[in-house]
């Protein structure tokens, strides 16, 4: 019953992951490949954290 009020720990990580990918997309469209690769690497690190959190559940 009280599980309804528990926050999902991956929800915030997924939101930041989506934001990083969107920023990377815009950087790529502008031609800034260096920023694109940095943002993509950060997004990959966040995705790894999401997978680890989901495996613990």
PDB file of N, CA and C in Angstrom:
ATOM      1  N   UNK A   1       0.824  -1.187   0.000  1.00  0.00           N
ATOM      2  CA  UNK A   1       0.000   0.000   0.000  1.00  0.00           C
ATOM      3  C   UNK A   1       0.869   1.251   0.000  1.00  0.00           C
ATOM      4  N   UNK A   2       1.908   1.239   0.800  1.00  0.00           N
ATOM      5  CA  UNK A   2       2.744   2.430   0.893  1.00  0.00           C
ATOM      6  C   UNK A   2       3.773   2.492  -0.232  1.00  0.00           C
ATOM      7  N   UNK A   3       3.870   1.455  -1.026  1.00  0.00           N
ATOM      8  CA  UNK A   3       4.744   1.475  -2.186  1.00  0.00           C
ATOM      9  C   UNK A   3       4.293   2.498  -3.218  1.00  0.00           C
ATOM     10  N   UNK A   4       3.044   2.891  -3.133  1.00  0.00           N
ATOM     11  CA  UNK A   4       2.492   3.893  -4.045  1.00  0.00           C
ATOM     12  C   UNK A   4       3.181   5.234  -3.877  1.00  0.00           C
ATOM     13  N   UNK A   5       3.585   5.543  -2.666  1.00  0.00           N
ATOM     14  CA  UNK A   5       4.177   6.844  -2.372  1.00  0.00           C
ATOM     15  C   UNK A   5       5.693   6.870  -2.500  1.00  0.00           C
ATOM     16  N   UNK A   6       6.294   5.726  -2.771  1.00  0.00           N
ATOM     17  CA  UNK A   6       7.748   5.679  -2.938  1.00  0.00           C
ATOM     18  C   UNK A   6       8.122   6.279  -4.293  1.00  0.00           C
ATOM     19  N   UNK A   7       9.173   7.046  -4.288  1.00  0.00           N
ATOM     20  CA  UNK A   7       9.617   7.629  -5.548  1.00  0.00           C
ATOM     21  C   UNK A   7      10.447   6.607  -6.320  1.00  0.00           C
ATOM     22  N   UNK A   8      10.379   6.705  -7.616  1.00  0.00           N
ATOM     23  CA  UNK A   8      11.146   5.815  -8.484  1.00  0.00           C
ATOM     24  C   UNK A   8      12.548   6.394  -8.608  1.00  0.00           C
ATOM     25  N   UNK A   9      13.584   5.676  -8.178  1.00  0.00           N
ATOM     26  CA  UNK A   9      14.940   6.243  -8.198  1.00  0.00           C
ATOM     27  C   UNK A   9      15.483   6.465  -9.608  1.00  0.00           C
ATOM     28  N   UNK A  10      14.968   5.754 -10.576  1.00  0.00           N
ATOM     29  CA  UNK A  10      15.484   5.910 -11.935  1.00  0.00           C
ATOM     30  C   UNK A  10      14.762   6.995 -12.714  1.00  0.00           C
ATOM     31  N   UNK A  11      13.676   7.506 -12.192  1.00  0.00           N
ATOM     32  CA  UNK A  11      12.891   8.504 -12.920  1.00  0.00           C
ATOM     33  C   UNK A  11      13.704   9.774 -13.175  1.00  0.00           C
ATOM     34  N   UNK A  12      14.386  10.245 -12.160  1.00  0.00           N
ATOM     35  CA  UNK A  12      15.197  11.451 -12.306  1.00  0.00           C
ATOM     36  C   UNK A  12      16.384  11.206 -13.230  1.00  0.00           C
ATOM     37  N   UNK A  13      16.996  10.029 -13.120  1.00  0.00           N
ATOM     38  CA  UNK A  13      18.120   9.689 -13.993  1.00  0.00           C
ATOM     39  C   UNK A  13      17.682   9.617 -15.456  1.00  0.00           C
ATOM     40  N   UNK A  14      16.509   9.054 -15.705  1.00  0.00           N
ATOM     41  CA  UNK A  14      16.006   8.976 -17.072  1.00  0.00           C
ATOM     42  C   UNK A  14      15.733  10.367 -17.647  1.00  0.00           C
ATOM     43  N   UNK A  15      15.267  11.262 -16.802  1.00  0.00           N
ATOM     44  CA  UNK A  15      15.000  12.624 -17.259  1.00  0.00           C
ATOM     45  C   UNK A  15      16.305  13.334 -17.638  1.00  0.00           C
ATOM     46  N   UNK A  16      17.337  13.188 -16.816  1.00  0.00           N
ATOM     47  CA  UNK A  16      18.611  13.815 -17.144  1.00  0.00           C
ATOM     48  C   UNK A  16      19.256  13.144 -18.357  1.00  0.00           C
ATOM     49  N   UNK A  17      19.040  11.841 -18.499  1.00  0.00           N
ATOM     50  CA  UNK A  17      19.544  11.120 -19.667  1.00  0.00           C
ATOM     51  C   UNK A  17      18.914  11.680 -20.942  1.00  0.00           C
ATOM     52  N   UNK A  18      17.606  11.864 -20.921  1.00  0.00           N
ATOM     53  CA  UNK A  18      16.914  12.420 -22.089  1.00  0.00           C
ATOM     54  C   UNK A  18      17.374  13.838 -22.391  1.00  0.00           C
ATOM     55  N   UNK A  19      17.612  14.628 -21.348  1.00  0.00           N
ATOM     56  CA  UNK A  19      18.083  15.992 -21.550  1.00  0.00           C
ATOM     57  C   UNK A  19      19.473  16.011 -22.184  1.00  0.00           C
ATOM     58  N   UNK A  20      20.349  15.137 -21.732  1.00  0.00           N
ATOM     59  CA  UNK A  20      21.708  15.066 -22.302  1.00  0.00           C
ATOM     60  C   UNK A  20      21.666  14.669 -23.769  1.00  0.00           C
ATOM     61  N   UNK A  21      20.803  13.712 -24.104  1.00  0.00           N
ATOM     62  CA  UNK A  21      20.703  13.292 -25.493  1.00  0.00           C
ATOM     63  C   UNK A  21      20.138  14.410 -26.373  1.00  0.00           C
ATOM     64  N   UNK A  22      19.196  15.163 -25.833  1.00  0.00           N
ATOM     65  CA  UNK A  22      18.640  16.287 -26.588  1.00  0.00           C
ATOM     66  C   UNK A  22      19.696  17.360 -26.804  1.00  0.00           C
ATOM     67  N   UNK A  23      20.468  17.653 -25.775  1.00  0.00           N
ATOM     68  CA  UNK A  23      21.543  18.633 -25.915  1.00  0.00           C
ATOM     69  C   UNK A  23      22.580  18.153 -26.920  1.00  0.00           C
ATOM     70  N   UNK A  24      22.883  16.856 -26.895  1.00  0.00           N
ATOM     71  CA  UNK A  24      23.843  16.300 -27.838  1.00  0.00           C
ATOM     72  C   UNK A  24      23.320  16.400 -29.265  1.00  0.00           C
ATOM     73  N   UNK A  25      22.048  16.171 -29.450  1.00  0.00           N
ATOM     74  CA  UNK A  25      21.445  16.276 -30.768  1.00  0.00           C
ATOM     75  C   UNK A  25      21.579  17.689 -31.320  1.00  0.00           C
ATOM     76  N   UNK A  26      21.286  18.676 -30.479  1.00  0.00           N
ATOM     77  CA  UNK A  26      21.395  20.067 -30.913  1.00  0.00           C
ATOM     78  C   UNK A  26      22.844  20.453 -31.209  1.00  0.00           C
ATOM     79  N   UNK A  27      23.764  19.956 -30.411  1.00  0.00           N
ATOM     80  CA  UNK A  27      25.176  20.242 -30.656  1.00  0.00           C
ATOM     81  C   UNK A  27      25.626  19.632 -31.976  1.00  0.00           C
ATOM     82  N   UNK A  28      25.154  18.437 -32.264  1.00  0.00           N
ATOM     83  CA  UNK A  28      25.525  17.778 -33.515  1.00  0.00           C
ATOM     84  C   UNK A  28      24.963  18.542 -34.708  1.00  0.00           C
ATOM     85  N   UNK A  29      23.755  19.022 -34.586  1.00  0.00           N
ATOM     86  CA  UNK A  29      23.147  19.776 -35.682  1.00  0.00           C
ATOM     87  C   UNK A  29      23.859  21.100 -35.927  1.00  0.00           C
ATOM     88  N   UNK A  30      24.424  21.663 -34.868  1.00  0.00           N
ATOM     89  CA  UNK A  30      25.170  22.913 -35.009  1.00  0.00           C
ATOM     90  C   UNK A  30      26.563  22.674 -35.568  1.00  0.00           C
ATOM     91  N   UNK A  31      27.003  21.429 -35.586  1.00  0.00           N
ATOM     92  CA  UNK A  31      28.317  21.100 -36.099  1.00  0.00           C
ATOM     93  C   UNK A  31      29.391  21.046 -35.036  1.00  0.00           C
ATOM     94  N   UNK A  32      28.996  21.113 -33.773  1.00  0.00           N
ATOM     95  CA  UNK A  32      29.955  21.064 -32.663  1.00  0.00           C
ATOM     96  C   UNK A  32      30.133  19.609 -32.227  1.00  0.00           C
ATOM     97  N   UNK A  33      31.002  18.917 -32.916  1.00  0.00           N
ATOM     98  CA  UNK A  33      31.173  17.486 -32.696  1.00  0.00           C
ATOM     99  C   UNK A  33      31.835  17.197 -31.348  1.00  0.00           C
ATOM    100  N   UNK A  34      32.704  18.058 -30.910  1.00  0.00           N
ATOM    101  CA  UNK A  34      33.379  17.848 -29.625  1.00  0.00           C
ATOM    102  C   UNK A  34      32.359  17.861 -28.471  1.00  0.00           C
ATOM    103  N   UNK A  35      31.480  18.851 -28.468  1.00  0.00           N
ATOM    104  CA  UNK A  35      30.447  18.919 -27.433  1.00  0.00           C
ATOM    105  C   UNK A  35      29.499  17.738 -27.552  1.00  0.00           C
ATOM    106  N   UNK A  36      29.181  17.365 -28.783  1.00  0.00           N
ATOM    107  CA  UNK A  36      28.313  16.216 -29.016  1.00  0.00           C
ATOM    108  C   UNK A  36      28.898  14.954 -28.387  1.00  0.00           C
ATOM    109  N   UNK A  37      30.176  14.726 -28.592  1.00  0.00           N
ATOM    110  CA  UNK A  37      30.791  13.512 -28.054  1.00  0.00           C
ATOM    111  C   UNK A  37      30.871  13.556 -26.527  1.00  0.00           C
ATOM    112  N   UNK A  38      31.125  14.727 -25.969  1.00  0.00           N
ATOM    113  CA  UNK A  38      31.167  14.845 -24.502  1.00  0.00           C
ATOM    114  C   UNK A  38      29.787  14.571 -23.900  1.00  0.00           C
ATOM    115  N   UNK A  39      28.747  15.145 -24.496  1.00  0.00           N
ATOM    116  CA  UNK A  39      27.393  14.951 -23.981  1.00  0.00           C
ATOM    117  C   UNK A  39      26.937  13.504 -24.156  1.00  0.00           C
ATOM    118  N   UNK A  40      27.326  12.887 -25.240  1.00  0.00           N
ATOM    119  CA  UNK A  40      26.975  11.489 -25.458  1.00  0.00           C
ATOM    120  C   UNK A  40      27.665  10.592 -24.435  1.00  0.00           C
ATOM    121  N   UNK A  41      28.901  10.901 -24.108  1.00  0.00           N
ATOM    122  CA  UNK A  41      29.619  10.123 -23.093  1.00  0.00           C
ATOM    123  C   UNK A  41      28.967  10.286 -21.718  1.00  0.00           C
ATOM    124  N   UNK A  42      28.548  11.503 -21.393  1.00  0.00           N
ATOM    125  CA  UNK A  42      27.859  11.733 -20.122  1.00  0.00           C
ATOM    126  C   UNK A  42      26.534  10.975 -20.089  1.00  0.00           C
ATOM    127  N   UNK A  43      25.824  10.970 -21.211  1.00  0.00           N
ATOM    128  CA  UNK A  43      24.557  10.245 -21.280  1.00  0.00           C
ATOM    129  C   UNK A  43      24.788   8.747 -21.102  1.00  0.00           C
ATOM    130  N   UNK A  44      25.869   8.235 -21.646  1.00  0.00           N
ATOM    131  CA  UNK A  44      26.176   6.815 -21.495  1.00  0.00           C
ATOM    132  C   UNK A  44      26.471   6.462 -20.036  1.00  0.00           C
ATOM    133  N   UNK A  45      27.157   7.345 -19.329  1.00  0.00           N
ATOM    134  CA  UNK A  45      27.420   7.118 -17.904  1.00  0.00           C
ATOM    135  C   UNK A  45      26.125   7.098 -17.109  1.00  0.00           C
ATOM    136  N   UNK A  46      25.214   7.993 -17.446  1.00  0.00           N
ATOM    137  CA  UNK A  46      23.914   8.029 -16.764  1.00  0.00           C
ATOM    138  C   UNK A  46      23.139   6.754 -17.060  1.00  0.00           C
ATOM    139  N   UNK A  47      23.199   6.294 -18.304  1.00  0.00           N
ATOM    140  CA  UNK A  47      22.490   5.064 -18.669  1.00  0.00           C
ATOM    141  C   UNK A  47      23.051   3.867 -17.897  1.00  0.00           C
ATOM    142  N   UNK A  48      24.346   3.831 -17.702  1.00  0.00           N
ATOM    143  CA  UNK A  48      24.953   2.756 -16.914  1.00  0.00           C
ATOM    144  C   UNK A  48      24.436   2.777 -15.475  1.00  0.00           C
ATOM    145  N   UNK A  49      24.283   3.977 -14.909  1.00  0.00           N
ATOM    146  CA  UNK A  49      23.734   4.102 -13.558  1.00  0.00           C
ATOM    147  C   UNK A  49      22.290   3.618 -13.509  1.00  0.00           C
ATOM    148  N   UNK A  50      21.516   3.918 -14.550  1.00  0.00           N
ATOM    149  CA  UNK A  50      20.122   3.475 -14.617  1.00  0.00           C
ATOM    150  C   UNK A  50      20.065   1.948 -14.643  1.00  0.00           C
ATOM    151  N   UNK A  51      20.906   1.332 -15.444  1.00  0.00           N
ATOM    152  CA  UNK A  51      20.915  -0.132 -15.523  1.00  0.00           C
ATOM    153  C   UNK A  51      21.310  -0.762 -14.201  1.00  0.00           C
ATOM    154  N   UNK A  52      22.274  -0.174 -13.509  1.00  0.00           N
ATOM    155  CA  UNK A  52      22.685  -0.704 -12.215  1.00  0.00           C
ATOM    156  C   UNK A  52      21.546  -0.592 -11.200  1.00  0.00           C
ATOM    157  N   UNK A  53      20.848   0.545 -11.211  1.00  0.00           N
ATOM    158  CA  UNK A  53      19.752   0.737 -10.261  1.00  0.00           C
ATOM    159  C   UNK A  53      18.604  -0.239 -10.546  1.00  0.00           C
ATOM    160  N   UNK A  54      18.339  -0.510 -11.812  1.00  0.00           N
ATOM    161  CA  UNK A  54      17.258  -1.426 -12.152  1.00  0.00           C
ATOM    162  C   UNK A  54      17.622  -2.871 -11.810  1.00  0.00           C
ATOM    163  N   UNK A  55      18.902  -3.224 -11.887  1.00  0.00           N
ATOM    164  CA  UNK A  55      19.307  -4.572 -11.528  1.00  0.00           C
ATOM    165  C   UNK A  55      19.190  -4.811 -10.033  1.00  0.00           C
ATOM    166  N   UNK A  56      19.367  -3.766  -9.241  1.00  0.00           N
ATOM    167  CA  UNK A  56      19.259  -3.906  -7.793  1.00  0.00           C
ATOM    168  C   UNK A  56      17.825  -4.098  -7.357  1.00  0.00           C
ATOM    169  N   UNK A  57      16.891  -3.622  -8.169  1.00  0.00           N
ATOM    170  CA  UNK A  57      15.479  -3.747  -7.807  1.00  0.00           C
ATOM    171  C   UNK A  57      15.003  -5.087  -8.127  1.00  0.00           C
TER     172      UNK A  57
END
